[in-house]
Protein backbone atom coordinates (compact mmCIF):
# COMPACT_ATOMS: atom_id res chain seq x y z
CA MET A 1 156.47 128.33 63.50
CA ASP A 2 155.47 126.57 60.39
CA LEU A 3 152.67 128.29 58.54
CA LYS A 4 151.89 125.68 56.19
CA ALA A 5 151.74 122.84 58.79
CA ALA A 6 149.65 125.13 60.93
CA ARG A 7 147.09 125.65 58.18
CA GLU A 8 146.90 121.91 57.44
CA LYS A 9 146.13 121.20 61.01
CA ARG A 10 143.69 124.20 61.14
CA LEU A 11 141.89 122.51 57.73
CA LEU A 12 141.50 119.01 59.54
CA GLN A 13 140.22 120.55 62.55
CA LEU A 14 137.61 122.27 60.51
CA ASP A 15 136.74 119.14 58.59
CA GLU A 16 136.67 117.11 61.71
CA LEU A 17 134.12 119.63 63.22
CA GLU A 18 132.33 119.80 60.00
CA GLU A 19 131.69 115.88 60.40
CA PHE A 20 130.66 116.22 64.23
CA ARG A 21 128.05 118.70 63.08
CA ASN A 22 126.73 116.50 60.08
CA GLU A 23 126.73 113.57 62.82
CA ALA A 24 125.01 115.55 65.29
CA TYR A 25 122.50 116.53 62.30
CA GLU A 26 121.72 112.95 61.29
CA ASN A 27 121.32 111.68 64.79
CA THR A 28 118.61 114.41 65.83
CA LYS A 29 116.84 113.56 62.55
CA ILE A 30 116.70 110.05 63.35
CA TYR A 31 115.53 110.84 67.21
CA LYS A 32 112.76 113.06 65.74
CA GLU A 33 111.48 110.39 63.23
CA ARG A 34 111.61 107.65 66.21
CA THR A 35 109.76 110.11 68.57
CA LYS A 36 107.35 110.91 65.80
CA LYS A 37 106.47 107.20 65.09
CA TRP A 38 105.82 106.47 68.53
CA HIS A 39 103.69 109.13 69.27
CA ASP A 40 101.59 108.82 66.11
CA ARG A 41 101.27 104.94 66.99
CA SER A 42 99.53 106.12 70.34
CA LEU A 43 97.24 108.36 68.82
CA VAL A 44 93.47 106.97 68.66
CA ARG A 45 91.99 108.11 65.11
CA LYS A 46 88.56 109.56 65.33
CA GLU A 47 86.15 108.95 62.37
CA PHE A 48 82.65 110.94 62.07
CA GLN A 49 80.20 110.29 59.75
CA PRO A 50 77.28 112.81 58.87
CA GLY A 51 74.27 111.97 61.15
CA GLN A 52 76.05 110.73 64.14
CA GLU A 53 75.58 112.19 67.47
CA VAL A 54 78.51 113.60 69.27
CA LEU A 55 79.16 115.51 72.30
CA LEU A 56 81.48 118.83 72.59
CA PHE A 57 83.94 119.18 74.95
CA ASN A 58 83.99 122.56 76.72
CA SER A 59 87.65 123.67 77.22
CA ARG A 60 87.00 127.32 78.20
CA LEU A 61 89.05 128.30 81.29
CA LYS A 62 86.91 129.35 84.01
CA LEU A 63 87.73 131.07 87.22
CA PHE A 64 85.49 129.14 89.62
CA PRO A 65 84.92 125.70 87.90
CA SER A 66 82.16 123.36 89.30
CA LYS A 67 83.84 120.15 90.12
CA LEU A 68 80.93 117.93 89.56
CA LYS A 69 79.61 119.73 86.18
CA SER A 70 80.62 118.05 83.25
CA ARG A 71 82.67 119.88 80.64
CA TRP A 72 81.08 117.79 77.95
CA SER A 73 77.86 119.24 76.01
CA GLY A 74 75.39 117.85 73.43
CA PRO A 75 74.42 115.72 71.91
CA PHE A 76 75.01 117.37 68.50
CA ILE A 77 74.60 116.08 65.14
CA VAL A 78 77.32 115.73 62.48
CA VAL A 79 76.35 117.51 59.07
CA LYS A 80 79.57 117.43 57.38
CA VAL A 81 83.26 115.99 57.94
CA PHE A 82 86.15 118.18 56.28
CA PRO A 83 89.43 116.93 55.54
CA TYR A 84 92.15 117.14 58.28
CA GLY A 85 89.98 116.76 61.19
CA ALA A 86 87.19 119.65 61.00
CA VAL A 87 83.47 118.71 61.63
CA GLU A 88 80.35 121.12 60.89
CA LEU A 89 77.83 120.42 63.88
CA LYS A 90 74.25 121.11 64.31
CA GLY A 91 72.50 121.42 67.83
CA GLU A 92 69.05 122.45 68.79
CA SER A 93 69.08 125.87 66.73
CA PRO A 94 69.45 125.57 62.90
CA GLU A 95 72.65 127.42 62.55
CA THR A 96 75.57 124.92 62.08
CA PHE A 97 79.18 125.56 63.57
CA LYS A 98 82.82 124.23 62.56
CA VAL A 99 84.94 122.54 65.60
CA LYS A 100 88.10 120.63 65.49
CA GLY A 101 87.54 116.77 65.61
CA GLN A 102 89.63 116.27 68.68
CA ARG A 103 86.96 118.29 70.64
CA LEU A 104 84.06 115.56 70.07
CA LYS A 105 83.43 112.06 71.29
CA LEU A 106 80.35 109.84 70.03
CA TYR A 107 77.53 109.91 72.10
CA LEU A 108 76.42 106.34 72.84
CA GLY A 109 73.10 107.32 75.25
CA GLY A 110 69.59 107.21 74.40
CA GLN A 111 67.57 110.45 74.79
CA PHE A 112 69.41 113.26 76.62
CA ASP A 113 67.24 114.93 79.27
CA GLN A 114 67.59 118.44 80.24
CA ALA A 115 65.69 118.43 83.69
CA LYS A 116 67.39 115.24 84.74
CA SER A 117 71.05 116.77 84.31
CA ALA A 118 69.96 119.87 85.97
CA MET A 119 68.81 118.21 88.69
CA ILE A 120 71.94 115.98 89.15
CA GLN A 121 73.94 119.53 88.64
CA ALA A 122 72.04 121.46 91.33
CA PRO A 123 73.61 121.85 94.68
CA LEU A 124 72.17 120.26 98.01
């Protein structure tokens, strides 16, 4: 049992283990960068301008959701667009409220008729 040889062998093993750890760290960093680039490429950026009409997605969990009822409400008018995706909206009431831009989509229809939509959603 040579203590000097055992110590050198142990130091080499520790250095080799450190190299493996560094290589694994670099590989995970490269993987995360590629995954982020792929994900960001598939995202659709939504740009809203003040004065546009938008629909708001209602994401509340309901115990007995209606299958035929639309989860989009509105139209609302965009009052102000904040950085990082926040949007200030105004509905029929004079109060304004802020929501995430991800919950919005452009309203491309004409006049929104509440009576007609209520008639469509009414059960037979």
